N, C-alpha and C. Protein backbone atom coordinates (compact mmCIF):
# COMPACT_ATOMS: atom_id res chain seq x y z
N MET A 1 -15.11 -3.70 -20.96
CA MET A 1 -14.20 -3.70 -19.85
C MET A 1 -14.78 -4.53 -18.72
N ASN A 2 -15.12 -5.74 -19.03
CA ASN A 2 -15.76 -6.63 -18.08
C ASN A 2 -14.80 -7.74 -17.67
N LYS A 3 -13.72 -7.36 -17.01
CA LYS A 3 -12.72 -8.32 -16.57
C LYS A 3 -13.10 -8.88 -15.20
N SER A 4 -12.67 -10.08 -14.98
CA SER A 4 -12.90 -10.65 -13.66
C SER A 4 -11.76 -10.25 -12.73
N ILE A 5 -12.00 -10.38 -11.46
CA ILE A 5 -10.98 -10.06 -10.46
C ILE A 5 -9.77 -10.98 -10.65
N THR A 6 -10.02 -12.22 -10.98
CA THR A 6 -8.94 -13.18 -11.19
C THR A 6 -8.04 -12.74 -12.33
N GLN A 7 -8.61 -12.25 -13.42
CA GLN A 7 -7.82 -11.78 -14.55
C GLN A 7 -6.98 -10.57 -14.16
N ASP A 8 -7.55 -9.66 -13.40
CA ASP A 8 -6.82 -8.48 -12.95
C ASP A 8 -5.63 -8.88 -12.08
N ILE A 9 -5.84 -9.79 -11.16
CA ILE A 9 -4.77 -10.25 -10.28
C ILE A 9 -3.68 -10.94 -11.09
N GLN A 10 -4.07 -11.75 -12.04
CA GLN A 10 -3.11 -12.45 -12.88
C GLN A 10 -2.29 -11.46 -13.70
N ASN A 11 -2.93 -10.44 -14.24
CA ASN A 11 -2.22 -9.42 -15.01
C ASN A 11 -1.24 -8.65 -14.12
N GLU A 12 -1.65 -8.32 -12.91
CA GLU A 12 -0.77 -7.62 -11.98
C GLU A 12 0.45 -8.46 -11.63
N LYS A 13 0.26 -9.76 -11.45
CA LYS A 13 1.37 -10.66 -11.15
C LYS A 13 2.35 -10.72 -12.32
N GLN A 14 1.83 -10.76 -13.55
CA GLN A 14 2.68 -10.80 -14.73
C GLN A 14 3.50 -9.52 -14.85
N VAL A 15 2.89 -8.39 -14.60
CA VAL A 15 3.60 -7.10 -14.66
C VAL A 15 4.67 -7.06 -13.57
N SER A 16 4.31 -7.50 -12.38
CA SER A 16 5.26 -7.50 -11.26
C SER A 16 6.47 -8.38 -11.58
N GLU A 17 6.24 -9.55 -12.12
CA GLU A 17 7.33 -10.45 -12.48
C GLU A 17 8.20 -9.85 -13.58
N SER A 18 7.60 -9.19 -14.54
CA SER A 18 8.36 -8.53 -15.60
C SER A 18 9.27 -7.45 -15.04
N ILE A 19 8.75 -6.68 -14.11
CA ILE A 19 9.55 -5.62 -13.48
C ILE A 19 10.71 -6.23 -12.70
N LYS A 20 10.44 -7.30 -11.96
CA LYS A 20 11.50 -7.96 -11.19
C LYS A 20 12.60 -8.49 -12.12
N ARG A 21 12.21 -9.10 -13.25
CA ARG A 21 13.20 -9.60 -14.21
C ARG A 21 14.03 -8.45 -14.78
N PHE A 22 13.37 -7.33 -15.11
CA PHE A 22 14.08 -6.16 -15.63
C PHE A 22 15.09 -5.65 -14.62
N PHE A 23 14.66 -5.49 -13.36
CA PHE A 23 15.55 -4.99 -12.32
C PHE A 23 16.75 -5.92 -12.14
N HIS A 24 16.51 -7.21 -12.17
CA HIS A 24 17.59 -8.17 -11.99
C HIS A 24 18.53 -8.15 -13.21
N ARG A 25 17.96 -8.17 -14.39
CA ARG A 25 18.76 -8.23 -15.62
C ARG A 25 19.67 -7.01 -15.77
N PHE A 26 19.17 -5.85 -15.42
CA PHE A 26 19.94 -4.63 -15.61
C PHE A 26 20.58 -4.10 -14.32
N HIS A 27 20.64 -4.97 -13.30
CA HIS A 27 21.34 -4.67 -12.06
C HIS A 27 20.90 -3.33 -11.45
N VAL A 28 19.61 -3.11 -11.43
CA VAL A 28 19.06 -1.86 -10.90
C VAL A 28 19.41 -1.71 -9.42
N TYR A 29 19.39 -2.82 -8.68
CA TYR A 29 19.69 -2.73 -7.26
C TYR A 29 21.11 -2.21 -7.05
N SER A 30 22.05 -2.69 -7.85
CA SER A 30 23.44 -2.23 -7.73
C SER A 30 23.54 -0.73 -8.02
N ALA A 31 22.82 -0.29 -9.03
CA ALA A 31 22.83 1.14 -9.38
C ALA A 31 22.23 1.98 -8.25
N LEU A 32 21.15 1.49 -7.64
CA LEU A 32 20.55 2.21 -6.51
C LEU A 32 21.52 2.27 -5.33
N LYS A 33 22.20 1.17 -5.09
CA LYS A 33 23.14 1.11 -3.99
C LYS A 33 24.31 2.08 -4.22
N GLN A 34 24.83 2.12 -5.44
CA GLN A 34 25.94 3.01 -5.76
C GLN A 34 25.54 4.48 -5.66
N SER A 35 24.27 4.76 -5.87
CA SER A 35 23.81 6.15 -5.78
C SER A 35 23.29 6.48 -4.37
N ASN A 36 23.62 5.60 -3.42
CA ASN A 36 23.24 5.77 -2.02
C ASN A 36 21.73 5.81 -1.79
N ALA A 37 20.99 5.11 -2.60
CA ALA A 37 19.55 4.99 -2.41
C ALA A 37 19.31 3.79 -1.50
N TYR A 38 18.95 4.05 -0.28
CA TYR A 38 18.69 2.97 0.66
C TYR A 38 17.68 3.41 1.70
N LYS A 39 17.18 2.44 2.43
CA LYS A 39 16.25 2.70 3.52
C LYS A 39 16.80 2.04 4.76
N ARG A 40 16.36 2.47 5.90
CA ARG A 40 16.83 1.86 7.15
C ARG A 40 16.00 0.64 7.53
N LYS A 41 14.69 0.76 7.44
CA LYS A 41 13.81 -0.34 7.85
C LYS A 41 12.61 -0.41 6.92
N GLY A 42 11.94 -1.55 6.98
CA GLY A 42 10.68 -1.67 6.25
C GLY A 42 10.84 -2.32 4.89
N ILE A 43 10.13 -1.80 3.94
CA ILE A 43 10.09 -2.36 2.59
C ILE A 43 11.44 -2.14 1.91
N PRO A 44 12.01 -3.15 1.26
CA PRO A 44 13.29 -2.98 0.56
C PRO A 44 13.20 -1.90 -0.52
N VAL A 45 14.30 -1.20 -0.71
CA VAL A 45 14.35 -0.09 -1.67
C VAL A 45 14.01 -0.57 -3.08
N ILE A 46 14.35 -1.79 -3.40
CA ILE A 46 14.06 -2.33 -4.74
C ILE A 46 12.55 -2.42 -4.95
N GLU A 47 11.79 -2.76 -3.93
CA GLU A 47 10.34 -2.84 -4.06
C GLU A 47 9.72 -1.46 -4.16
N VAL A 48 10.25 -0.51 -3.39
CA VAL A 48 9.75 0.85 -3.48
C VAL A 48 10.00 1.40 -4.88
N SER A 49 11.19 1.15 -5.41
CA SER A 49 11.53 1.63 -6.75
C SER A 49 10.66 0.99 -7.82
N SER A 50 10.35 -0.28 -7.65
CA SER A 50 9.52 -0.95 -8.66
C SER A 50 8.10 -0.40 -8.68
N ILE A 51 7.64 0.14 -7.57
CA ILE A 51 6.32 0.76 -7.53
C ILE A 51 6.28 1.97 -8.45
N TYR A 52 7.38 2.73 -8.47
CA TYR A 52 7.44 3.91 -9.34
C TYR A 52 7.43 3.54 -10.81
N VAL A 53 7.99 2.36 -11.13
CA VAL A 53 8.06 1.91 -12.52
C VAL A 53 6.71 1.43 -13.01
N SER A 54 5.96 0.77 -12.14
CA SER A 54 4.68 0.20 -12.59
C SER A 54 3.57 1.19 -12.65
């Protein structure tokens, strides 16, 4: 388990991009909006939700 920091960052970016593609492909934002999942200020609800997935 001797990974470099660069490899870890690259893997995190790949996972993040995969989650973003999934959310976009399956219209997760629309589903969240229809279920009244929203925030007033700060980080977008889609980013908060993606944290739970990863």
